């Protein structure tokens, strides 16, 4: 009986310890969540605030300081913002298509057993993840290709990411050889194997890479700053940089009564406008993340 009571007490103590751990863990995670979410909420609150009330407020912002949509009206009426959106959608659309196709072809070639110098090619490609020619050779290469001040300079030179190529290579390598061998016996060529068998099987990984490429092009601004001179070809992030870094809101605030203050709320409104679309894409592809990235990781 004593043994049973002791074991029963130990079980009770263990359960109490687990509950205590879960409680502390929840508090820590809640604190981290608040720390991460509040800057986003602050930007949203500031964008919906009245300009004068926002400039007079100090400290933390728990709600809009005087509700107003004036910042959004002025930001959405800015022609360069719409032009930046159109350019960015163009870059993402063609950048993702070209990136996925070239990455798939490269990963397919690196996983075929009869490819000559395959080990050398693998090492050569992996080296580019750690070393590059530098910014000046990169600029000279793009200039010699005649892509300066051309929107394709933001797509073609960075069409393939080595990191994404390695992820897809591991995914392709995890596909059973019997699947491709049986198709080869039936007369399937390389393009049939890639586009009709291997890529459909790897759709989870491809979905993740679509998001990686899309987010990469969406956030890219440095290449545009180097190669693009015509403001009508600016992507959204370069327009956003103009508004936030150089504080160029004069063209949006001209004629407003509180021109001195409205510029600050416009900055926050522009941040929200440029962030919401990419955030809306995440929930639809989130289910593929773990499956897509971790597939083949044990074998790799």
Protein backbone atom coordinates (compact mmCIF):
# COMPACT_ATOMS: atom_id res chain seq x y z
CA UNK A 1 0.00 0.00 0.00
CA UNK A 2 2.81 2.40 0.83
CA UNK A 3 4.40 1.83 -2.57
CA UNK A 4 1.11 2.57 -4.30
CA UNK A 5 0.62 5.74 -2.27
CA UNK A 6 4.15 6.92 -3.03
CA UNK A 7 3.79 6.19 -6.71
CA UNK A 8 0.43 7.93 -6.71
CA UNK A 9 1.94 10.98 -4.97
CA UNK A 10 4.79 11.04 -7.45
CA UNK A 11 2.29 11.03 -10.30
CA UNK A 12 0.39 13.91 -8.70
CA UNK A 13 3.59 15.89 -8.19
CA UNK A 14 4.66 15.21 -11.76
CA UNK A 15 1.33 16.42 -13.09
CA UNK A 16 1.57 19.55 -10.97
CA UNK A 17 5.09 20.17 -12.30
CA UNK A 18 3.89 19.74 -15.86
CA UNK A 19 1.11 22.23 -15.27
CA UNK A 20 3.53 24.71 -13.77
CA UNK A 21 5.87 24.30 -16.74
CA UNK A 22 3.00 24.74 -19.20
CA UNK A 23 1.83 27.87 -17.37
CA UNK A 24 5.29 29.46 -17.38
CA UNK A 25 5.83 28.44 -20.97
CA UNK A 26 2.52 30.04 -21.98
CA UNK A 27 3.47 33.26 -20.19
CA UNK A 28 6.82 33.41 -21.98
CA UNK A 29 5.24 32.72 -25.36
CA UNK A 30 2.57 35.33 -24.68
CA UNK A 31 5.22 37.91 -23.83
CA UNK A 32 7.17 37.10 -27.01
CA UNK A 33 3.94 37.37 -29.03
CA UNK A 34 3.17 40.80 -27.58
CA UNK A 35 6.71 42.02 -28.24
CA UNK A 36 6.49 40.85 -31.86
CA UNK A 37 2.93 42.00 -32.57
CA UNK A 38 2.93 45.41 -30.92
CA UNK A 39 5.20 47.13 -33.51
CA UNK A 40 2.82 45.93 -36.22
CA UNK A 41 -0.20 47.14 -34.25
CA UNK A 42 1.51 50.46 -33.61
CA UNK A 43 1.95 51.02 -37.36
CA UNK A 44 -1.72 50.10 -37.99
CA UNK A 45 -2.96 52.38 -35.19
CA UNK A 46 -0.76 55.24 -36.39
CA UNK A 47 -2.00 54.87 -39.97
CA UNK A 48 -5.61 55.30 -38.84
CA UNK A 49 -4.81 58.20 -36.51
CA UNK A 50 -5.57 61.86 -36.96
CA UNK A 51 -2.31 63.57 -37.91
CA UNK A 52 -2.46 66.36 -35.31
CA UNK A 53 -3.56 64.04 -32.49
CA UNK A 54 -0.89 61.50 -33.42
CA UNK A 55 1.92 64.07 -33.32
CA UNK A 56 0.72 65.32 -29.93
CA UNK A 57 0.56 61.81 -28.45
CA UNK A 58 3.57 60.28 -26.73
CA UNK A 59 4.52 56.88 -25.41
CA UNK A 60 2.79 53.65 -26.37
CA UNK A 61 -0.17 53.70 -28.73
CA UNK A 62 -3.02 51.34 -27.81
CA UNK A 63 -5.59 52.67 -30.30
CA UNK A 64 -5.74 55.22 -33.13
CA UNK A 65 -5.21 58.75 -31.85
CA UNK A 66 -8.39 60.22 -33.28
CA UNK A 67 -9.70 58.00 -36.08
CA UNK A 68 -9.02 59.27 -39.61
CA UNK A 69 -8.70 57.76 -43.12
CA UNK A 70 -6.99 60.83 -44.57
CA UNK A 71 -3.57 59.15 -44.68
CA UNK A 72 -4.95 56.24 -46.74
CA UNK A 73 -6.81 58.57 -49.11
CA UNK A 74 -3.64 60.53 -49.80
CA UNK A 75 -1.43 57.43 -50.05
CA UNK A 76 -3.77 55.57 -52.40
CA UNK A 77 -4.09 58.70 -54.53
CA UNK A 78 -0.32 58.84 -55.03
CA UNK A 79 0.36 57.75 -58.67
CA UNK A 80 3.83 56.37 -57.91
CA UNK A 81 2.39 53.92 -55.36
CA UNK A 82 0.07 52.39 -57.95
CA UNK A 83 2.88 52.33 -60.51
CA UNK A 84 5.13 50.62 -57.97
CA UNK A 85 2.46 47.99 -57.34
CA UNK A 86 2.10 47.25 -61.05
CA UNK A 87 5.87 46.96 -61.52
CA UNK A 88 6.20 44.70 -58.48
CA UNK A 89 3.38 42.40 -59.62
CA UNK A 90 5.07 42.14 -63.02
CA UNK A 91 8.42 41.31 -61.39
CA UNK A 92 6.89 38.71 -59.05
CA UNK A 93 4.82 37.04 -61.78
CA UNK A 94 7.65 36.52 -64.24
CA UNK A 95 10.31 36.19 -61.53
CA UNK A 96 8.50 33.29 -59.87
CA UNK A 97 7.74 31.51 -63.17
CA UNK A 98 11.30 31.84 -64.48
CA UNK A 99 12.79 31.03 -61.07
CA UNK A 100 10.73 27.86 -60.56
CA UNK A 101 11.40 26.58 -64.09
CA UNK A 102 15.16 27.19 -63.98
CA UNK A 103 15.47 25.91 -60.40
CA UNK A 104 13.54 22.74 -61.30
CA UNK A 105 15.72 22.10 -64.36
CA UNK A 106 18.88 22.66 -62.31
CA UNK A 107 17.73 20.41 -59.46
CA UNK A 108 16.71 17.71 -61.93
CA UNK A 109 20.14 17.75 -63.56
CA UNK A 110 21.91 17.55 -60.21
CA UNK A 111 19.93 14.48 -59.14
CA UNK A 112 20.39 12.38 -62.29
CA UNK A 113 22.87 9.53 -61.76
CA UNK A 114 24.35 9.59 -65.25
CA UNK A 115 25.37 13.27 -65.25
CA UNK A 116 29.10 13.77 -65.75
CA UNK A 117 31.04 15.93 -63.26
CA UNK A 118 27.99 15.98 -61.00
CA UNK A 119 30.04 16.26 -57.81
CA UNK A 120 32.07 19.11 -59.27
CA UNK A 121 28.90 20.92 -60.31
CA UNK A 122 27.40 20.47 -56.85
CA UNK A 123 30.46 21.92 -55.14
CA UNK A 124 30.70 24.79 -57.63
CA UNK A 125 27.08 25.76 -57.04
CA UNK A 126 27.30 25.48 -53.25
CA UNK A 127 30.39 27.75 -53.23
CA UNK A 128 28.25 30.57 -54.64
CA UNK A 129 26.22 30.50 -51.41
CA UNK A 130 29.28 31.69 -49.47
CA UNK A 131 31.31 33.69 -52.00
CA UNK A 132 30.32 36.11 -54.75
CA UNK A 133 32.07 38.34 -57.25
CA UNK A 134 30.92 41.45 -55.41
CA UNK A 135 28.69 44.36 -56.26
CA UNK A 136 30.91 46.03 -58.89
CA UNK A 137 31.42 42.92 -61.09
CA UNK A 138 27.70 42.22 -60.74
CA UNK A 139 26.84 45.73 -61.93
CA UNK A 140 29.31 45.52 -64.83
CA UNK A 141 27.83 42.18 -65.91
CA UNK A 142 24.29 43.55 -65.91
CA UNK A 143 25.44 46.67 -67.74
CA UNK A 144 27.26 44.65 -70.43
CA UNK A 145 24.09 42.63 -70.94
CA UNK A 146 22.25 45.87 -71.70
CA UNK A 147 19.81 45.47 -68.82
CA UNK A 148 20.45 48.75 -67.00
CA UNK A 149 17.31 50.87 -66.57
CA UNK A 150 15.33 47.80 -67.64
CA UNK A 151 12.83 46.07 -65.39
CA UNK A 152 14.23 42.68 -66.49
CA UNK A 153 17.42 43.54 -64.61
CA UNK A 154 15.41 42.80 -61.45
CA UNK A 155 14.35 39.36 -62.72
CA UNK A 156 16.99 37.66 -64.87
CA UNK A 157 20.25 38.21 -62.91
CA UNK A 158 18.67 36.85 -59.72
CA UNK A 159 16.43 34.26 -61.37
CA UNK A 160 17.85 31.28 -59.43
CA UNK A 161 18.59 31.16 -55.71
CA UNK A 162 21.26 28.64 -54.73
CA UNK A 163 19.53 28.01 -51.41
CA UNK A 164 16.23 27.23 -53.16
CA UNK A 165 18.08 25.05 -55.67
CA UNK A 166 19.57 22.94 -52.88
CA UNK A 167 16.16 22.55 -51.19
CA UNK A 168 14.58 21.36 -54.43
CA UNK A 169 17.55 19.10 -55.17
CA UNK A 170 17.06 17.28 -51.87
CA UNK A 171 13.33 16.97 -52.58
CA UNK A 172 13.93 15.52 -56.05
CA UNK A 173 16.57 13.13 -54.67
CA UNK A 174 14.04 11.72 -52.18
CA UNK A 175 11.72 10.53 -54.99
CA UNK A 176 11.99 6.73 -55.43
CA UNK A 177 14.05 5.70 -58.44
CA UNK A 178 11.41 3.16 -59.42
CA UNK A 179 8.98 5.94 -60.23
CA UNK A 180 11.25 7.51 -62.84
CA UNK A 181 12.66 4.22 -64.09
CA UNK A 182 9.22 2.84 -64.91
CA UNK A 183 8.38 6.03 -66.81
CA UNK A 184 11.68 5.81 -68.70
CA UNK A 185 10.90 2.26 -69.75
CA UNK A 186 7.58 3.52 -71.13
CA UNK A 187 9.49 5.99 -73.31
CA UNK A 188 9.36 9.16 -71.20
CA UNK A 189 12.05 11.75 -71.94
CA UNK A 190 13.71 14.17 -69.55
CA UNK A 191 11.11 16.92 -69.93
CA UNK A 192 8.29 14.40 -69.44
CA UNK A 193 9.96 13.06 -66.32
CA UNK A 194 10.49 16.53 -64.92
CA UNK A 195 7.22 18.30 -65.71
CA UNK A 196 4.77 15.38 -65.57
CA UNK A 197 6.18 13.14 -62.84
CA UNK A 198 8.79 14.74 -60.61
CA UNK A 199 7.35 18.26 -60.27
CA UNK A 200 3.77 17.11 -59.50
CA UNK A 201 5.13 14.78 -56.81
CA UNK A 202 7.15 17.67 -55.34
CA UNK A 203 4.33 20.22 -55.31
CA UNK A 204 4.68 20.83 -51.55
CA UNK A 205 8.31 21.89 -51.91
CA UNK A 206 7.51 23.90 -55.05
CA UNK A 207 4.76 25.76 -53.16
CA UNK A 208 7.30 26.79 -50.53
CA UNK A 209 9.78 27.91 -53.19
CA UNK A 210 7.04 29.94 -54.92
CA UNK A 211 6.57 31.81 -51.66
CA UNK A 212 10.33 32.22 -51.15
CA UNK A 213 10.78 33.67 -54.63
CA UNK A 214 7.68 35.85 -54.35
CA UNK A 215 8.73 37.30 -50.98
CA UNK A 216 12.28 37.78 -52.24
CA UNK A 217 11.13 39.81 -55.23
CA UNK A 218 8.54 41.66 -53.15
CA UNK A 219 11.13 42.82 -50.60
CA UNK A 220 13.92 43.51 -53.09
CA UNK A 221 14.92 47.14 -53.49
CA UNK A 222 18.73 47.30 -53.65
CA UNK A 223 19.03 45.97 -57.21
CA UNK A 224 16.36 48.42 -58.33
CA UNK A 225 18.29 51.25 -56.71
CA UNK A 226 21.42 50.20 -58.64
CA UNK A 227 19.95 49.50 -62.05
CA UNK A 228 16.75 51.57 -62.44
CA UNK A 229 16.89 55.30 -63.24
CA UNK A 230 13.39 55.84 -64.60
CA UNK A 231 11.02 56.45 -61.68
CA UNK A 232 8.13 54.93 -63.64
CA UNK A 233 9.95 51.58 -63.43
CA UNK A 234 10.46 51.70 -59.66
CA UNK A 235 9.13 48.63 -57.78
CA UNK A 236 6.96 49.15 -54.72
CA UNK A 237 9.79 48.77 -52.21
CA UNK A 238 11.82 51.53 -53.85
CA UNK A 239 8.78 53.82 -53.73
CA UNK A 240 8.39 52.86 -50.07
CA UNK A 241 12.06 53.70 -49.49
CA UNK A 242 11.53 57.15 -50.98
CA UNK A 243 8.62 57.79 -48.64
CA UNK A 244 10.26 56.45 -45.46
CA UNK A 245 13.96 57.24 -45.83
CA UNK A 246 13.92 60.48 -47.78
CA UNK A 247 10.55 61.54 -46.27
CA UNK A 248 9.30 62.44 -49.75
CA UNK A 249 5.60 62.99 -48.98
CA UNK A 250 5.30 66.56 -50.28
CA UNK A 251 3.57 65.43 -53.48
CA UNK A 252 0.93 63.60 -51.41
CA UNK A 253 0.34 66.32 -48.81
CA UNK A 254 0.12 69.32 -51.15
CA UNK A 255 -3.01 71.34 -50.44
CA UNK A 256 -3.86 69.68 -47.12
CA UNK A 257 -4.57 71.80 -44.06
CA UNK A 258 -2.23 69.89 -41.71
CA UNK A 259 0.55 69.31 -44.22
CA UNK A 260 3.17 69.57 -41.48
CA UNK A 261 1.86 66.53 -39.58
CA UNK A 262 0.02 64.38 -42.12
CA UNK A 263 3.30 63.14 -43.59
CA UNK A 264 3.97 60.96 -40.53
CA UNK A 265 0.65 59.12 -40.70
CA UNK A 266 1.08 58.71 -44.49
CA UNK A 267 4.35 56.84 -43.87
CA UNK A 268 2.56 54.34 -41.66
CA UNK A 269 -0.30 54.00 -44.13
CA UNK A 270 2.14 53.24 -46.95
CA UNK A 271 3.78 50.54 -44.80
CA UNK A 272 0.39 48.87 -44.20
CA UNK A 273 -0.57 49.09 -47.88
CA UNK A 274 2.71 47.53 -49.00
CA UNK A 275 2.64 44.76 -46.35
CA UNK A 276 -0.95 43.50 -46.36
CA UNK A 277 -0.88 41.72 -49.77
CA UNK A 278 2.08 39.49 -48.95
CA UNK A 279 0.61 38.71 -45.51
CA UNK A 280 -2.60 37.53 -47.19
CA UNK A 281 -0.63 34.95 -49.20
CA UNK A 282 0.99 33.24 -46.18
CA UNK A 283 -2.10 31.43 -44.80
CA UNK A 284 -2.72 29.66 -48.12
CA UNK A 285 0.83 28.28 -48.35
CA UNK A 286 1.61 27.81 -44.65
CA UNK A 287 0.45 24.16 -44.66
CA UNK A 288 3.17 23.32 -47.19
CA UNK A 289 6.02 24.81 -45.12
CA UNK A 290 7.01 21.92 -42.88
CA UNK A 291 6.25 19.23 -45.42
CA UNK A 292 7.94 21.08 -48.26
CA UNK A 293 11.17 22.10 -46.54
CA UNK A 294 11.69 18.98 -44.39
CA UNK A 295 10.96 16.43 -47.12
CA UNK A 296 14.06 14.39 -47.77
CA UNK A 297 15.96 16.06 -44.93
CA UNK A 298 16.75 12.73 -43.23
CA UNK A 299 18.06 11.26 -46.45
CA UNK A 300 19.93 14.48 -47.35
